[in-house]
Amino acid sequence: MSTEPQRRRTGDRGTPQPKPPLNDPADAWDRPLHPVKKLDEVARAYPGRKLTLDSERKPLEFYGPPDQPNAFSMDSLEFFLVIAQFFREALPLRLILLMIACQRAGGRIHLTQDEMAHVLDVSRTKVNEALREVMAHGIVFRVKRGVYRFNPPYSYRVAEFIPGTETMEPEYVRVEQYTAIAEIRSDESLPDLVRFPSLEQMRREIERLREERSKVRAERRHKRTQQKEKRTEQ
């Protein structure tokens, strides 16, 4: 037997090569792309495939599950950054997150203070104090007893899916943000900070708090230095 490596035999150039079946994925590599003119022809070429048509997705559009389409909140990242620096206690921040989670389409929050206290596991008195502090900055405002509303520039629930019951059909509610803003601005009974919200006031307060804390830290360092010097003299 010869020890020389055997060379691969090449087939005759004129012999046609076998083609994969139409449903073979490898078949797509040697076919040029061309615009689809008739879907019926594509369906006949790939009988094992299911063809569907859907609306074009827009850039930066959110998608939820089929039973809750677009049921999401739009939250301002700048708003989160400011309140994380402003509120020194955890309860106001926890309360804001709870209200973001529980708001309905249009930013309405159907929660009593007792329900807030139960979920957050604190007393109603503490919830009342935290709620007053949050409302003082125009983040939310009271519509009526047990109903509050978020200021749209900070957090806003665009839509919600209301499941059906035995007597009601399921309903998908969507409220445009600019409609809610226009409604709030036209209500002259609301405070100006609610009608024309701005985080600038909270930013100024953050700087004031930082200056105060800086002075306190400097005084503490000065006292420690004096105490150390007295111990050294003794």
Protein backbone atom coordinates (compact mmCIF):
# COMPACT_ATOMS: atom_id res chain seq x y z
CA MET A 1 0.00 0.00 0.00
CA SER A 2 1.30 3.45 -0.87
CA THR A 3 2.28 5.70 2.06
CA GLU A 4 1.67 8.91 0.13
CA PRO A 5 -1.31 10.95 1.27
CA GLN A 6 -4.32 10.45 -0.91
CA ARG A 7 -5.63 13.48 -2.66
CA ARG A 8 -9.29 14.38 -2.53
CA ARG A 9 -11.05 13.49 -5.71
CA THR A 10 -12.78 16.29 -7.46
CA GLY A 11 -16.00 15.63 -9.22
CA ASP A 12 -16.60 16.42 -12.80
CA ARG A 13 -17.26 20.10 -13.36
CA GLY A 14 -20.21 19.35 -15.51
CA THR A 15 -21.95 17.20 -12.89
CA PRO A 16 -24.75 19.19 -11.13
CA GLN A 17 -24.41 19.29 -7.35
CA PRO A 18 -27.42 18.24 -5.22
CA LYS A 19 -29.42 21.11 -3.72
CA PRO A 20 -30.78 21.11 -0.17
CA PRO A 21 -34.55 21.00 0.25
CA LEU A 22 -36.47 24.27 0.36
CA ASN A 23 -37.07 24.01 4.10
CA ASP A 24 -33.33 23.61 4.81
CA PRO A 25 -31.89 26.75 6.48
CA ALA A 26 -28.63 26.30 4.54
CA ASP A 27 -30.53 27.10 1.36
CA ALA A 28 -30.67 30.77 2.37
CA TRP A 29 -26.90 31.25 1.98
CA ASP A 30 -26.77 30.85 -1.78
CA ARG A 31 -29.90 32.78 -2.63
CA PRO A 32 -29.75 36.51 -3.40
CA LEU A 33 -32.03 38.81 -1.43
CA HIS A 34 -34.89 40.28 -3.36
CA PRO A 35 -37.98 42.23 -2.33
CA VAL A 36 -41.04 40.18 -1.53
CA LYS A 37 -43.85 41.03 -3.92
CA LYS A 38 -46.36 38.27 -3.22
CA LEU A 39 -46.67 36.65 0.18
CA ASP A 40 -48.54 33.70 -1.33
CA GLU A 41 -45.41 32.67 -3.22
CA VAL A 42 -43.32 32.80 -0.03
CA ALA A 43 -45.93 30.76 1.83
CA ARG A 44 -45.94 28.08 -0.88
CA ALA A 45 -42.12 27.93 -0.90
CA TYR A 46 -41.99 27.36 2.86
CA PRO A 47 -45.10 25.36 3.77
CA GLY A 48 -43.83 24.57 7.28
CA ARG A 49 -43.50 28.26 8.19
CA LYS A 50 -46.13 30.64 9.56
CA LEU A 51 -46.27 34.11 8.04
CA THR A 52 -47.56 37.01 10.13
CA LEU A 53 -47.87 40.74 9.58
CA ASP A 54 -47.50 43.23 12.44
CA SER A 55 -47.33 47.00 12.79
CA GLU A 56 -43.94 48.65 12.56
CA ARG A 57 -42.29 49.20 15.93
CA LYS A 58 -41.32 52.78 16.68
CA PRO A 59 -37.95 53.70 18.19
CA LEU A 60 -37.82 53.72 22.02
CA GLU A 61 -41.33 52.27 22.27
CA PHE A 62 -42.06 50.07 25.27
CA TYR A 63 -43.80 46.74 24.99
CA GLY A 64 -45.57 44.80 27.69
CA PRO A 65 -47.18 41.36 27.74
CA PRO A 66 -50.20 40.74 25.48
CA ASP A 67 -52.67 41.29 28.33
CA GLN A 68 -50.94 44.51 29.50
CA PRO A 69 -49.68 46.39 26.44
CA ASN A 70 -47.73 49.56 27.24
CA ALA A 71 -48.71 49.38 30.92
CA PHE A 72 -45.60 51.15 32.14
CA SER A 73 -44.54 54.33 33.91
CA MET A 74 -42.33 57.01 32.42
CA ASP A 75 -40.09 58.31 35.18
CA SER A 76 -37.68 61.23 35.05
CA LEU A 77 -34.10 60.16 35.77
CA GLU A 78 -33.31 63.72 36.85
CA PHE A 79 -36.19 63.51 39.33
CA PHE A 80 -34.77 60.30 40.84
CA LEU A 81 -31.31 61.88 41.10
CA VAL A 82 -32.62 64.95 42.92
CA ILE A 83 -34.86 63.14 45.42
CA ALA A 84 -32.06 60.65 46.19
CA GLN A 85 -29.94 63.61 47.29
CA PHE A 86 -32.70 65.65 48.93
CA PHE A 87 -34.61 63.26 51.18
CA ARG A 88 -32.37 62.30 54.08
CA GLU A 89 -34.89 59.84 55.53
CA ALA A 90 -35.86 56.61 53.81
CA LEU A 91 -39.63 56.84 54.32
CA PRO A 92 -40.34 59.64 51.79
CA LEU A 93 -38.36 57.74 49.15
CA ARG A 94 -40.18 54.49 49.94
CA LEU A 95 -43.50 56.33 49.76
CA ILE A 96 -42.65 57.79 46.34
CA LEU A 97 -41.71 54.34 45.01
CA LEU A 98 -44.95 52.88 46.37
CA MET A 99 -47.01 55.57 44.69
CA ILE A 100 -45.16 55.08 41.38
CA ALA A 101 -45.97 51.36 41.52
CA CYS A 102 -49.65 51.91 42.39
CA GLN A 103 -50.52 54.76 40.03
CA ARG A 104 -53.05 54.18 37.29
CA ALA A 105 -53.33 55.50 33.76
CA GLY A 106 -53.09 59.28 33.95
CA GLY A 107 -51.03 59.25 37.15
CA ARG A 108 -53.86 58.77 39.66
CA ILE A 109 -53.08 56.91 42.88
CA HIS A 110 -55.99 55.27 44.69
CA LEU A 111 -54.46 54.72 48.13
CA THR A 112 -55.57 55.78 51.58
CA GLN A 113 -53.00 56.68 54.21
CA ASP A 114 -53.99 53.57 56.15
CA GLU A 115 -53.19 51.42 53.10
CA MET A 116 -49.85 53.21 52.65
CA ALA A 117 -49.01 52.61 56.30
CA HIS A 118 -49.95 48.93 56.01
CA VAL A 119 -47.79 48.31 52.93
CA LEU A 120 -44.79 50.25 54.28
CA ASP A 121 -45.22 48.75 57.77
CA VAL A 122 -45.10 52.09 59.58
CA SER A 123 -47.58 54.13 61.59
CA ARG A 124 -50.17 56.30 59.89
CA THR A 125 -48.70 59.35 61.62
CA LYS A 126 -45.33 58.77 59.95
CA VAL A 127 -46.99 58.26 56.58
CA ASN A 128 -48.88 61.52 57.01
CA GLU A 129 -45.65 63.40 57.78
CA ALA A 130 -43.80 61.87 54.81
CA LEU A 131 -46.75 62.49 52.48
CA ARG A 132 -46.93 66.15 53.51
CA GLU A 133 -43.22 66.54 52.81
CA VAL A 134 -43.53 64.94 49.37
CA MET A 135 -46.61 67.02 48.50
CA ALA A 136 -44.88 70.22 49.64
CA HIS A 137 -42.55 69.97 46.63
CA GLY A 138 -45.32 69.41 44.08
CA ILE A 139 -44.34 65.80 43.41
CA VAL A 140 -47.88 64.55 44.07
CA PHE A 141 -51.08 66.38 44.97
CA ARG A 142 -54.35 65.36 46.57
CA VAL A 143 -57.35 65.03 44.26
CA LYS A 144 -59.82 63.89 46.91
CA ARG A 145 -59.92 61.62 49.93
CA GLY A 146 -57.91 58.50 49.16
CA VAL A 147 -56.96 59.69 45.67
CA TYR A 148 -53.68 61.43 44.79
CA ARG A 149 -52.02 62.23 41.51
CA PHE A 150 -48.44 62.32 40.29
CA ASN A 151 -47.07 65.36 38.56
CA PRO A 152 -46.55 64.12 34.97
CA PRO A 153 -43.00 65.47 34.46
CA TYR A 154 -41.79 63.32 37.39
CA SER A 155 -43.63 60.02 36.95
CA TYR A 156 -46.54 59.08 34.73
CA ARG A 157 -48.45 55.89 33.99
CA VAL A 158 -49.26 56.08 30.30
CA ALA A 159 -51.68 53.17 30.10
CA GLU A 160 -53.16 50.26 31.98
CA PHE A 161 -55.10 47.12 31.18
CA ILE A 162 -58.23 46.55 33.28
CA PRO A 163 -59.11 42.83 33.28
CA GLY A 164 -62.69 41.89 32.55
CA THR A 165 -65.19 40.32 34.93
CA GLU A 166 -68.40 38.38 34.47
CA THR A 167 -70.29 41.63 33.89
CA MET A 168 -67.55 43.75 32.26
CA GLU A 169 -65.42 43.38 29.19
CA PRO A 170 -61.66 43.93 29.58
CA GLU A 171 -60.59 47.50 28.87
CA TYR A 172 -57.32 49.09 27.78
CA VAL A 173 -57.00 52.70 29.00
CA ARG A 174 -54.41 55.08 27.63
CA VAL A 175 -53.96 58.73 28.66
CA GLU A 176 -51.52 60.98 26.82
CA GLN A 177 -49.09 62.86 29.05
CA TYR A 178 -49.54 66.25 27.38
CA THR A 179 -53.30 65.99 28.00
CA ALA A 180 -52.73 65.51 31.73
CA ILE A 181 -50.24 68.40 31.86
CA ALA A 182 -52.69 70.73 30.12
CA GLU A 183 -55.45 69.71 32.53
CA ILE A 184 -53.28 70.37 35.58
CA ARG A 185 -52.03 73.73 34.32
CA SER A 186 -55.56 74.93 33.64
CA ASP A 187 -56.66 74.19 37.23
CA GLU A 188 -56.03 77.48 39.05
CA SER A 189 -57.03 75.96 42.39
CA LEU A 190 -53.76 74.02 42.46
CA PRO A 191 -50.53 75.55 43.84
CA ASP A 192 -48.13 77.06 41.32
CA LEU A 193 -45.52 74.45 42.23
CA VAL A 194 -47.97 71.78 41.03
CA ARG A 195 -49.13 73.63 37.92
CA PHE A 196 -45.59 74.57 36.89
CA PRO A 197 -43.31 71.98 38.52
CA SER A 198 -39.61 72.61 38.89
CA LEU A 199 -36.79 70.78 40.65
CA GLU A 200 -34.74 73.96 40.97
CA GLN A 201 -36.09 74.68 44.46
CA MET A 202 -35.01 71.24 45.68
CA ARG A 203 -31.58 71.69 44.06
CA ARG A 204 -31.06 74.94 45.98
CA GLU A 205 -32.12 73.21 49.17
CA ILE A 206 -29.63 70.39 48.50
CA GLU A 207 -26.80 72.92 48.21
CA ARG A 208 -27.89 74.62 51.44
CA LEU A 209 -27.97 71.28 53.27
CA ARG A 210 -24.53 70.39 51.96
CA GLU A 211 -23.10 73.69 53.19
CA GLU A 212 -24.63 73.14 56.63
CA ARG A 213 -23.27 69.59 56.86
CA SER A 214 -19.85 70.81 55.72
CA LYS A 215 -19.78 73.40 58.52
CA VAL A 216 -20.81 70.79 61.09
CA ARG A 217 -18.05 68.43 59.94
CA ALA A 218 -15.50 71.24 60.06
CA GLU A 219 -16.53 72.11 63.63
CA ARG A 220 -16.22 68.47 64.69
CA ARG A 221 -12.74 68.22 63.18
CA HIS A 222 -11.71 71.43 64.97
CA LYS A 223 -12.96 70.09 68.32
CA ARG A 224 -11.11 66.80 67.85
CA THR A 225 -7.92 68.70 67.03
CA GLN A 226 -8.29 70.84 70.18
CA GLN A 227 -8.91 67.77 72.35
CA LYS A 228 -5.85 66.03 70.89
CA GLU A 229 -3.68 69.08 71.56
CA LYS A 230 -4.88 69.26 75.20
CA ARG A 231 -4.04 65.59 75.75
CA THR A 232 -0.58 66.17 74.27
CA GLU A 233 0.10 69.16 76.60
CA GLN A 234 -0.91 67.12 79.66
